[in-house]
Amino acid sequence: MPPCTCVPLGLRKFLASIMRDQSQLNQQLHELDRLLEALEQLNLRNQNLVPKGITVRLEELGMVDVKGVDPSVLIPRVLDEQQRIRRRLASMRRSRTT
C-alpha cells in the first residue's frame, strides 16, 4: 500500500514540474558558463571568428543573431542571458516558498 501523503496529487505534480524547470534552467546556466569561458578565450586571443559549434549551441539555448558576431559582442549578451536566467530562478524559488 503506498504511503499516505498530505499533499494533493495536483500540487505534487505542479511542484515536480517547477523542480524540472529549475533543473533545466540550472543546466542552461552551466552551459552558458562554459560557452562564456570559450568566448572569453577567443577574445583574449583576438580571434573574431566564433566556431560553428559555439554559435549552434548558443542558438539552441535560445539566443538569436549570433552567427558572424565577434566574441567581444557575444560576451555581454551571454552575460545578460545568464542574468535573465538567474532572475527567473530566484523568482521561482520565491514563489515556491510563499
PDB file of N, CA and C in Angstrom:
ATOM      1  N   MET A   1       0.854  -1.179   0.000  1.00  0.00           N
ATOM      2  CA  MET A   1       0.000   0.000   0.000  1.00  0.00           C
ATOM      3  C   MET A   1       0.902   1.245   0.000  1.00  0.00           C
ATOM      4  N   PRO A   2       0.654   2.213  -0.912  1.00  0.00           N
ATOM      5  CA  PRO A   2       1.507   3.401  -0.968  1.00  0.00           C
ATOM      6  C   PRO A   2       1.352   4.249   0.291  1.00  0.00           C
ATOM      7  N   PRO A   3       2.422   4.966   0.642  1.00  0.00           N
ATOM      8  CA  PRO A   3       2.339   5.805   1.837  1.00  0.00           C
ATOM      9  C   PRO A   3       1.335   6.935   1.632  1.00  0.00           C
ATOM     10  N   CYS A   4       0.642   7.265   2.679  1.00  0.00           N
ATOM     11  CA  CYS A   4      -0.338   8.354   2.638  1.00  0.00           C
ATOM     12  C   CYS A   4       0.399   9.684   2.765  1.00  0.00           C
ATOM     13  N   THR A   5       0.059  10.616   1.882  1.00  0.00           N
ATOM     14  CA  THR A   5       0.668  11.938   1.967  1.00  0.00           C
ATOM     15  C   THR A   5      -0.422  12.966   2.157  1.00  0.00           C
ATOM     16  N   CYS A   6      -0.043  14.087   2.723  1.00  0.00           N
ATOM     17  CA  CYS A   6      -0.998  15.169   2.948  1.00  0.00           C
ATOM     18  C   CYS A   6      -1.033  16.146   1.782  1.00  0.00           C
ATOM     19  N   VAL A   7      -0.152  15.961   0.816  1.00  0.00           N
ATOM     20  CA  VAL A   7      -0.076  16.876  -0.324  1.00  0.00           C
ATOM     21  C   VAL A   7      -0.905  16.306  -1.471  1.00  0.00           C
ATOM     22  N   PRO A   8      -1.887  17.078  -1.956  1.00  0.00           N
ATOM     23  CA  PRO A   8      -2.712  16.589  -3.065  1.00  0.00           C
ATOM     24  C   PRO A   8      -1.871  16.276  -4.300  1.00  0.00           C
ATOM     25  N   LEU A   9      -2.335  15.314  -5.075  1.00  0.00           N
ATOM     26  CA  LEU A   9      -1.620  14.871  -6.263  1.00  0.00           C
ATOM     27  C   LEU A   9      -1.351  16.029  -7.226  1.00  0.00           C
ATOM     28  N   GLY A  10      -2.334  16.878  -7.462  1.00  0.00           N
ATOM     29  CA  GLY A  10      -2.161  18.011  -8.374  1.00  0.00           C
ATOM     30  C   GLY A  10      -1.036  18.937  -7.931  1.00  0.00           C
ATOM     31  N   LEU A  11      -0.960  19.187  -6.636  1.00  0.00           N
ATOM     32  CA  LEU A  11       0.100  20.048  -6.105  1.00  0.00           C
ATOM     33  C   LEU A  11       1.451  19.368  -6.223  1.00  0.00           C
ATOM     34  N   ARG A  12       1.493  18.052  -5.981  1.00  0.00           N
ATOM     35  CA  ARG A  12       2.761  17.314  -6.134  1.00  0.00           C
ATOM     36  C   ARG A  12       3.256  17.382  -7.567  1.00  0.00           C
ATOM     37  N   LYS A  13       2.336  17.226  -8.531  1.00  0.00           N
ATOM     38  CA  LYS A  13       2.723  17.306  -9.941  1.00  0.00           C
ATOM     39  C   LYS A  13       3.213  18.699 -10.287  1.00  0.00           C
ATOM     40  N   PHE A  14       2.535  19.721  -9.765  1.00  0.00           N
ATOM     41  CA  PHE A  14       2.939  21.102 -10.014  1.00  0.00           C
ATOM     42  C   PHE A  14       4.340  21.370  -9.460  1.00  0.00           C
ATOM     43  N   LEU A  15       4.586  20.928  -8.233  1.00  0.00           N
ATOM     44  CA  LEU A  15       5.907  21.121  -7.622  1.00  0.00           C
ATOM     45  C   LEU A  15       6.983  20.353  -8.379  1.00  0.00           C
ATOM     46  N   ALA A  16       6.661  19.160  -8.855  1.00  0.00           N
ATOM     47  CA  ALA A  16       7.624  18.379  -9.640  1.00  0.00           C
ATOM     48  C   ALA A  16       7.950  19.111 -10.940  1.00  0.00           C
ATOM     49  N   SER A  17       6.944  19.733 -11.542  1.00  0.00           N
ATOM     50  CA  SER A  17       7.153  20.498 -12.769  1.00  0.00           C
ATOM     51  C   SER A  17       8.084  21.684 -12.518  1.00  0.00           C
ATOM     52  N   ILE A  18       7.880  22.377 -11.406  1.00  0.00           N
ATOM     53  CA  ILE A  18       8.746  23.506 -11.058  1.00  0.00           C
ATOM     54  C   ILE A  18      10.184  23.037 -10.861  1.00  0.00           C
ATOM     55  N   MET A  19      10.346  21.903 -10.198  1.00  0.00           N
ATOM     56  CA  MET A  19      11.688  21.375  -9.958  1.00  0.00           C
ATOM     57  C   MET A  19      12.370  21.014 -11.281  1.00  0.00           C
ATOM     58  N   ARG A  20      11.619  20.441 -12.232  1.00  0.00           N
ATOM     59  CA  ARG A  20      12.187  20.135 -13.548  1.00  0.00           C
ATOM     60  C   ARG A  20      12.598  21.417 -14.253  1.00  0.00           C
ATOM     61  N   ASP A  21      11.729  22.430 -14.192  1.00  0.00           N
ATOM     62  CA  ASP A  21      12.046  23.711 -14.827  1.00  0.00           C
ATOM     63  C   ASP A  21      13.316  24.312 -14.220  1.00  0.00           C
ATOM     64  N   GLN A  22      13.419  24.260 -12.896  1.00  0.00           N
ATOM     65  CA  GLN A  22      14.609  24.792 -12.227  1.00  0.00           C
ATOM     66  C   GLN A  22      15.846  24.017 -12.641  1.00  0.00           C
ATOM     67  N   SER A  23      15.724  22.717 -12.749  1.00  0.00           N
ATOM     68  CA  SER A  23      16.852  21.886 -13.151  1.00  0.00           C
ATOM     69  C   SER A  23      17.302  22.250 -14.564  1.00  0.00           C
ATOM     70  N   GLN A  24      16.342  22.429 -15.463  1.00  0.00           N
ATOM     71  CA  GLN A  24      16.684  22.801 -16.838  1.00  0.00           C
ATOM     72  C   GLN A  24      17.349  24.175 -16.883  1.00  0.00           C
ATOM     73  N   LEU A  25      16.852  25.119 -16.097  1.00  0.00           N
ATOM     74  CA  LEU A  25      17.457  26.446 -16.075  1.00  0.00           C
ATOM     75  C   LEU A  25      18.875  26.391 -15.504  1.00  0.00           C
ATOM     76  N   ASN A  26      19.073  25.574 -14.480  1.00  0.00           N
ATOM     77  CA  ASN A  26      20.417  25.421 -13.923  1.00  0.00           C
ATOM     78  C   ASN A  26      21.368  24.810 -14.946  1.00  0.00           C
ATOM     79  N   GLN A  27      20.862  23.861 -15.735  1.00  0.00           N
ATOM     80  CA  GLN A  27      21.687  23.264 -16.788  1.00  0.00           C
ATOM     81  C   GLN A  27      22.038  24.304 -17.851  1.00  0.00           C
ATOM     82  N   GLN A  28      21.061  25.133 -18.218  1.00  0.00           N
ATOM     83  CA  GLN A  28      21.322  26.200 -19.195  1.00  0.00           C
ATOM     84  C   GLN A  28      22.369  27.162 -18.658  1.00  0.00           C
ATOM     85  N   LEU A  29      22.249  27.508 -17.398  1.00  0.00           N
ATOM     86  CA  LEU A  29      23.201  28.423 -16.779  1.00  0.00           C
ATOM     87  C   LEU A  29      24.608  27.834 -16.809  1.00  0.00           C
ATOM     88  N   HIS A  30      24.721  26.565 -16.501  1.00  0.00           N
ATOM     89  CA  HIS A  30      26.019  25.882 -16.528  1.00  0.00           C
ATOM     90  C   HIS A  30      26.595  25.881 -17.945  1.00  0.00           C
ATOM     91  N   GLU A  31      25.737  25.587 -18.922  1.00  0.00           N
ATOM     92  CA  GLU A  31      26.187  25.549 -20.316  1.00  0.00           C
ATOM     93  C   GLU A  31      26.617  26.947 -20.783  1.00  0.00           C
ATOM     94  N   LEU A  32      25.875  27.967 -20.392  1.00  0.00           N
ATOM     95  CA  LEU A  32      26.260  29.339 -20.753  1.00  0.00           C
ATOM     96  C   LEU A  32      27.591  29.717 -20.109  1.00  0.00           C
ATOM     97  N   ASP A  33      27.841  29.245 -18.892  1.00  0.00           N
ATOM     98  CA  ASP A  33      29.146  29.482 -18.248  1.00  0.00           C
ATOM     99  C   ASP A  33      30.274  28.896 -19.089  1.00  0.00           C
ATOM    100  N   ARG A  34      30.056  27.677 -19.550  1.00  0.00           N
ATOM    101  CA  ARG A  34      31.067  27.000 -20.373  1.00  0.00           C
ATOM    102  C   ARG A  34      31.293  27.743 -21.693  1.00  0.00           C
ATOM    103  N   LEU A  35      30.205  28.164 -22.328  1.00  0.00           N
ATOM    104  CA  LEU A  35      30.322  28.898 -23.592  1.00  0.00           C
ATOM    105  C   LEU A  35      30.948  30.271 -23.382  1.00  0.00           C
ATOM    106  N   LEU A  36      30.620  30.909 -22.278  1.00  0.00           N
ATOM    107  CA  LEU A  36      31.207  32.208 -21.963  1.00  0.00           C
ATOM    108  C   LEU A  36      32.720  32.087 -21.809  1.00  0.00           C
ATOM    109  N   GLU A  37      33.164  31.044 -21.148  1.00  0.00           N
ATOM    110  CA  GLU A  37      34.604  30.800 -20.989  1.00  0.00           C
ATOM    111  C   GLU A  37      35.276  30.661 -22.354  1.00  0.00           C
ATOM    112  N   ALA A  38      34.639  29.912 -23.250  1.00  0.00           N
ATOM    113  CA  ALA A  38      35.199  29.732 -24.597  1.00  0.00           C
ATOM    114  C   ALA A  38      35.255  31.069 -25.343  1.00  0.00           C
ATOM    115  N   LEU A  39      34.195  31.864 -25.231  1.00  0.00           N
ATOM    116  CA  LEU A  39      34.178  33.177 -25.893  1.00  0.00           C
ATOM    117  C   LEU A  39      35.257  34.099 -25.323  1.00  0.00           C
ATOM    118  N   GLU A  40      35.448  34.051 -24.020  1.00  0.00           N
ATOM    119  CA  GLU A  40      36.486  34.884 -23.395  1.00  0.00           C
ATOM    120  C   GLU A  40      37.871  34.474 -23.874  1.00  0.00           C
ATOM    121  N   GLN A  41      38.095  33.176 -24.020  1.00  0.00           N
ATOM    122  CA  GLN A  41      39.386  32.705 -24.523  1.00  0.00           C
ATOM    123  C   GLN A  41      39.609  33.180 -25.960  1.00  0.00           C
ATOM    124  N   LEU A  42      38.585  33.108 -26.790  1.00  0.00           N
ATOM    125  CA  LEU A  42      38.697  33.612 -28.164  1.00  0.00           C
ATOM    126  C   LEU A  42      39.011  35.102 -28.160  1.00  0.00           C
ATOM    127  N   ASN A  43      38.327  35.829 -27.310  1.00  0.00           N
ATOM    128  CA  ASN A  43      38.520  37.275 -27.228  1.00  0.00           C
ATOM    129  C   ASN A  43      39.946  37.618 -26.774  1.00  0.00           C
ATOM    130  N   LEU A  44      40.456  36.875 -25.800  1.00  0.00           N
ATOM    131  CA  LEU A  44      41.814  37.113 -25.320  1.00  0.00           C
ATOM    132  C   LEU A  44      42.861  36.873 -26.403  1.00  0.00           C
ATOM    133  N   ARG A  45      42.546  35.956 -27.317  1.00  0.00           N
ATOM    134  CA  ARG A  45      43.460  35.653 -28.421  1.00  0.00           C
ATOM    135  C   ARG A  45      43.190  36.529 -29.643  1.00  0.00           C
ATOM    136  N   ASN A  46      42.319  37.525 -29.455  1.00  0.00           N
ATOM    137  CA  ASN A  46      41.955  38.448 -30.542  1.00  0.00           C
ATOM    138  C   ASN A  46      41.390  37.736 -31.763  1.00  0.00           C
ATOM    139  N   GLN A  47      40.720  36.634 -31.532  1.00  0.00           N
ATOM    140  CA  GLN A  47      40.075  35.918 -32.628  1.00  0.00           C
ATOM    141  C   GLN A  47      38.650  36.453 -32.780  1.00  0.00           C
ATOM    142  N   ASN A  48      38.298  36.785 -33.999  1.00  0.00           N
ATOM    143  CA  ASN A  48      36.963  37.340 -34.189  1.00  0.00           C
ATOM    144  C   ASN A  48      36.013  36.364 -34.880  1.00  0.00           C
ATOM    145  N   LEU A  49      36.462  35.135 -35.104  1.00  0.00           N
ATOM    146  CA  LEU A  49      35.607  34.121 -35.702  1.00  0.00           C
ATOM    147  C   LEU A  49      35.219  33.113 -34.624  1.00  0.00           C
ATOM    148  N   VAL A  50      33.922  33.031 -34.356  1.00  0.00           N
ATOM    149  CA  VAL A  50      33.417  32.102 -33.350  1.00  0.00           C
ATOM    150  C   VAL A  50      33.150  30.762 -34.039  1.00  0.00           C
ATOM    151  N   PRO A  51      33.684  29.670 -33.503  1.00  0.00           N
ATOM    152  CA  PRO A  51      33.436  28.357 -34.105  1.00  0.00           C
ATOM    153  C   PRO A  51      31.943  28.046 -34.211  1.00  0.00           C
ATOM    154  N   LYS A  52      31.609  27.326 -35.257  1.00  0.00           N
ATOM    155  CA  LYS A  52      30.212  26.996 -35.537  1.00  0.00           C
ATOM    156  C   LYS A  52      29.565  26.265 -34.360  1.00  0.00           C
ATOM    157  N   GLY A  53      30.296  25.382 -33.714  1.00  0.00           N
ATOM    158  CA  GLY A  53      29.733  24.635 -32.588  1.00  0.00           C
ATOM    159  C   GLY A  53      29.244  25.536 -31.469  1.00  0.00           C
ATOM    160  N   ILE A  54      29.960  26.625 -31.237  1.00  0.00           N
ATOM    161  CA  ILE A  54      29.558  27.562 -30.186  1.00  0.00           C
ATOM    162  C   ILE A  54      28.306  28.327 -30.607  1.00  0.00           C
ATOM    163  N   THR A  55      28.277  28.807 -31.857  1.00  0.00           N
ATOM    164  CA  THR A  55      27.096  29.557 -32.297  1.00  0.00           C
ATOM    165  C   THR A  55      25.862  28.658 -32.346  1.00  0.00           C
ATOM    166  N   VAL A  56      26.039  27.413 -32.772  1.00  0.00           N
ATOM    167  CA  VAL A  56      24.907  26.483 -32.814  1.00  0.00           C
ATOM    168  C   VAL A  56      24.367  26.261 -31.413  1.00  0.00           C
ATOM    169  N   ARG A  57      25.266  26.045 -30.456  1.00  0.00           N
ATOM    170  CA  ARG A  57      24.818  25.804 -29.072  1.00  0.00           C
ATOM    171  C   ARG A  57      24.135  27.035 -28.489  1.00  0.00           C
ATOM    172  N   LEU A  58      24.656  28.232 -28.770  1.00  0.00           N
ATOM    173  CA  LEU A  58      24.005  29.455 -28.295  1.00  0.00           C
ATOM    174  C   LEU A  58      22.593  29.577 -28.857  1.00  0.00           C
ATOM    175  N   GLU A  59      22.445  29.228 -30.130  1.00  0.00           N
ATOM    176  CA  GLU A  59      21.112  29.259 -30.744  1.00  0.00           C
ATOM    177  C   GLU A  59      20.193  28.224 -30.099  1.00  0.00           C
ATOM    178  N   GLU A  60      20.720  27.043 -29.806  1.00  0.00           N
ATOM    179  CA  GLU A  60      19.920  26.011 -29.148  1.00  0.00           C
ATOM    180  C   GLU A  60      19.455  26.464 -27.770  1.00  0.00           C
ATOM    181  N   LEU A  61      20.237  27.326 -27.149  1.00  0.00           N
ATOM    182  CA  LEU A  61      19.882  27.852 -25.834  1.00  0.00           C
ATOM    183  C   LEU A  61      18.977  29.082 -25.931  1.00  0.00           C
ATOM    184  N   GLY A  62      18.561  29.415 -27.153  1.00  0.00           N
ATOM    185  CA  GLY A  62      17.583  30.482 -27.324  1.00  0.00           C
ATOM    186  C   GLY A  62      18.118  31.837 -27.733  1.00  0.00           C
ATOM    187  N   MET A  63      19.412  31.939 -27.941  1.00  0.00           N
ATOM    188  CA  MET A  63      19.975  33.221 -28.351  1.00  0.00           C
ATOM    189  C   MET A  63      19.855  33.358 -29.869  1.00  0.00           C
ATOM    190  N   VAL A  64      19.574  34.569 -30.326  1.00  0.00           N
ATOM    191  CA  VAL A  64      19.376  34.816 -31.760  1.00  0.00           C
ATOM    192  C   VAL A  64      20.464  35.749 -32.287  1.00  0.00           C
ATOM    193  N   ASP A  65      20.631  35.722 -33.593  1.00  0.00           N
ATOM    194  CA  ASP A  65      21.594  36.598 -34.272  1.00  0.00           C
ATOM    195  C   ASP A  65      23.002  36.472 -33.694  1.00  0.00           C
ATOM    196  N   VAL A  66      23.496  35.244 -33.623  1.00  0.00           N
ATOM    197  CA  VAL A  66      24.831  35.029 -33.065  1.00  0.00           C
ATOM    198  C   VAL A  66      25.860  34.658 -34.135  1.00  0.00           C
ATOM    199  N   LYS A  67      25.386  34.268 -35.319  1.00  0.00           N
ATOM    200  CA  LYS A  67      26.320  33.886 -36.384  1.00  0.00           C
ATOM    201  C   LYS A  67      27.051  35.108 -36.916  1.00  0.00           C
ATOM    202  N   GLY A  68      28.369  34.971 -37.062  1.00  0.00           N
ATOM    203  CA  GLY A  68      29.186  36.039 -37.618  1.00  0.00           C
ATOM    204  C   GLY A  68      29.415  37.210 -36.676  1.00  0.00           C
ATOM    205  N   VAL A  69      29.064  37.035 -35.407  1.00  0.00           N
ATOM    206  CA  VAL A  69      29.218  38.103 -34.423  1.00  0.00           C
ATOM    207  C   VAL A  69      30.519  37.893 -33.654  1.00  0.00           C
ATOM    208  N   ASP A  70      31.245  38.974 -33.456  1.00  0.00           N
ATOM    209  CA  ASP A  70      32.525  38.949 -32.748  1.00  0.00           C
ATOM    210  C   ASP A  70      32.334  38.483 -31.298  1.00  0.00           C
ATOM    211  N   PRO A  71      33.281  37.710 -30.760  1.00  0.00           N
ATOM    212  CA  PRO A  71      33.179  37.272 -29.361  1.00  0.00           C
ATOM    213  C   PRO A  71      33.002  38.428 -28.381  1.00  0.00           C
ATOM    214  N   SER A  72      33.650  39.558 -28.659  1.00  0.00           N
ATOM    215  CA  SER A  72      33.544  40.695 -27.739  1.00  0.00           C
ATOM    216  C   SER A  72      32.126  41.256 -27.687  1.00  0.00           C
ATOM    217  N   VAL A  73      31.330  41.002 -28.723  1.00  0.00           N
ATOM    218  CA  VAL A  73      29.925  41.423 -28.736  1.00  0.00           C
ATOM    219  C   VAL A  73      29.051  40.354 -28.080  1.00  0.00           C
ATOM    220  N   LEU A  74      29.415  39.084 -28.273  1.00  0.00           N
ATOM    221  CA  LEU A  74      28.625  37.998 -27.699  1.00  0.00           C
ATOM    222  C   LEU A  74      28.778  37.893 -26.183  1.00  0.00           C
ATOM    223  N   ILE A  75      29.937  38.228 -25.669  1.00  0.00           N
ATOM    224  CA  ILE A  75      30.187  38.084 -24.229  1.00  0.00           C
ATOM    225  C   ILE A  75      29.144  38.822 -23.393  1.00  0.00           C
ATOM    226  N   PRO A  76      28.906  40.122 -23.611  1.00  0.00           N
ATOM    227  CA  PRO A  76      27.886  40.793 -22.795  1.00  0.00           C
ATOM    228  C   PRO A  76      26.478  40.243 -23.038  1.00  0.00           C
ATOM    229  N   ARG A  77      26.208  39.749 -24.226  1.00  0.00           N
ATOM    230  CA  ARG A  77      24.895  39.169 -24.496  1.00  0.00           C
ATOM    231  C   ARG A  77      24.704  37.879 -23.708  1.00  0.00           C
ATOM    232  N   VAL A  78      25.757  37.072 -23.624  1.00  0.00           N
ATOM    233  CA  VAL A  78      25.682  35.837 -22.833  1.00  0.00           C
ATOM    234  C   VAL A  78      25.530  36.186 -21.351  1.00  0.00           C
ATOM    235  N   LEU A  79      26.265  37.191 -20.896  1.00  0.00           N
ATOM    236  CA  LEU A  79      26.136  37.625 -19.501  1.00  0.00           C
ATOM    237  C   LEU A  79      24.710  38.096 -19.199  1.00  0.00           C
ATOM    238  N   ASP A  80      24.106  38.820 -20.132  1.00  0.00           N
ATOM    239  CA  ASP A  80      22.719  39.267 -19.962  1.00  0.00           C
ATOM    240  C   ASP A  80      21.766  38.077 -19.885  1.00  0.00           C
ATOM    241  N   GLU A  81      21.992  37.084 -20.724  1.00  0.00           N
ATOM    242  CA  GLU A  81      21.145  35.890 -20.716  1.00  0.00           C
ATOM    243  C   GLU A  81      21.299  35.135 -19.394  1.00  0.00           C
ATOM    244  N   GLN A  82      22.526  35.051 -18.892  1.00  0.00           N
ATOM    245  CA  GLN A  82      22.738  34.406 -17.595  1.00  0.00           C
ATOM    246  C   GLN A  82      21.987  35.154 -16.496  1.00  0.00           C
ATOM    247  N   GLN A  83      22.026  36.466 -16.540  1.00  0.00           N
ATOM    248  CA  GLN A  83      21.340  37.272 -15.531  1.00  0.00           C
ATOM    249  C   GLN A  83      19.825  37.055 -15.612  1.00  0.00           C
ATOM    250  N   ARG A  84      19.306  36.958 -16.829  1.00  0.00           N
ATOM    251  CA  ARG A  84      17.874  36.711 -17.011  1.00  0.00           C
ATOM    252  C   ARG A  84      17.486  35.364 -16.388  1.00  0.00           C
ATOM    253  N   ILE A  85      18.315  34.359 -16.602  1.00  0.00           N
ATOM    254  CA  ILE A  85      18.039  33.033 -16.042  1.00  0.00           C
ATOM    255  C   ILE A  85      18.135  33.069 -14.523  1.00  0.00           C
ATOM    256  N   ARG A  86      19.133  33.764 -13.992  1.00  0.00           N
ATOM    257  CA  ARG A  86      19.270  33.860 -12.525  1.00  0.00           C
ATOM    258  C   ARG A  86      18.049  34.540 -11.898  1.00  0.00           C
ATOM    259  N   ARG A  87      17.548  35.600 -12.552  1.00  0.00           N
ATOM    260  CA  ARG A  87      16.350  36.276 -12.037  1.00  0.00           C
ATOM    261  C   ARG A  87      15.147  35.339 -12.066  1.00  0.00           C
ATOM    262  N   ARG A  88      15.025  34.580 -13.137  1.00  0.00           N
ATOM    263  CA  ARG A  88      13.908  33.639 -13.247  1.00  0.00           C
ATOM    264  C   ARG A  88      14.006  32.562 -12.169  1.00  0.00           C
ATOM    265  N   LEU A  89      15.198  32.041 -11.941  1.00  0.00           N
ATOM    266  CA  LEU A  89      15.387  31.040 -10.887  1.00  0.00           C
ATOM    267  C   LEU A  89      15.040  31.621  -9.516  1.00  0.00           C
ATOM    268  N   ALA A  90      15.489  32.840  -9.254  1.00  0.00           N
ATOM    269  CA  ALA A  90      15.196  33.484  -7.968  1.00  0.00           C
ATOM    270  C   ALA A  90      13.693  33.675  -7.794  1.00  0.00           C
ATOM    271  N   SER A  91      13.025  34.072  -8.859  1.00  0.00           N
ATOM    272  CA  SER A  91      11.577  34.252  -8.809  1.00  0.00           C
ATOM    273  C   SER A  91      10.873  32.929  -8.534  1.00  0.00           C
ATOM    274  N   MET A  92      11.346  31.872  -9.163  1.00  0.00           N
ATOM    275  CA  MET A  92      10.748  30.553  -8.938  1.00  0.00           C
ATOM    276  C   MET A  92      10.952  30.107  -7.496  1.00  0.00           C
ATOM    277  N   ARG A  93      12.121  30.375  -6.949  1.00  0.00           N
ATOM    278  CA  ARG A  93      12.395  29.988  -5.558  1.00  0.00           C
ATOM    279  C   ARG A  93      11.500  30.771  -4.598  1.00  0.00           C
ATOM    280  N   ARG A  94      11.338  32.086  -4.879  1.00  0.00           N
ATOM    281  CA  ARG A  94      10.490  32.902  -4.016  1.00  0.00           C
ATOM    282  C   ARG A  94       9.043  32.433  -4.061  1.00  0.00           C
ATOM    283  N   SER A  95       8.552  32.135  -5.261  1.00  0.00           N
ATOM    284  CA  SER A  95       7.153  31.710  -5.383  1.00  0.00           C
ATOM    285  C   SER A  95       6.924  30.350  -4.739  1.00  0.00           C
ATOM    286  N   ARG A  96       7.958  29.536  -4.677  1.00  0.00           N
ATOM    287  CA  ARG A  96       7.844  28.218  -4.080  1.00  0.00           C
ATOM    288  C   ARG A  96       7.740  28.309  -2.555  1.00  0.00           C
ATOM    289  N   THR A  97       8.308  29.349  -1.974  1.00  0.00           N
ATOM    290  CA  THR A  97       8.298  29.478  -0.509  1.00  0.00           C
ATOM    291  C   THR A  97       7.081  30.221  -0.003  1.00  0.00           C
ATOM    292  N   THR A  98       6.299  30.801  -0.914  1.00  0.00           N
ATOM    293  CA  THR A  98       5.113  31.522  -0.451  1.00  0.00           C
ATOM    294  C   THR A  98       3.850  30.742  -0.708  1.00  0.00           C
TER     295      THR A  98
END
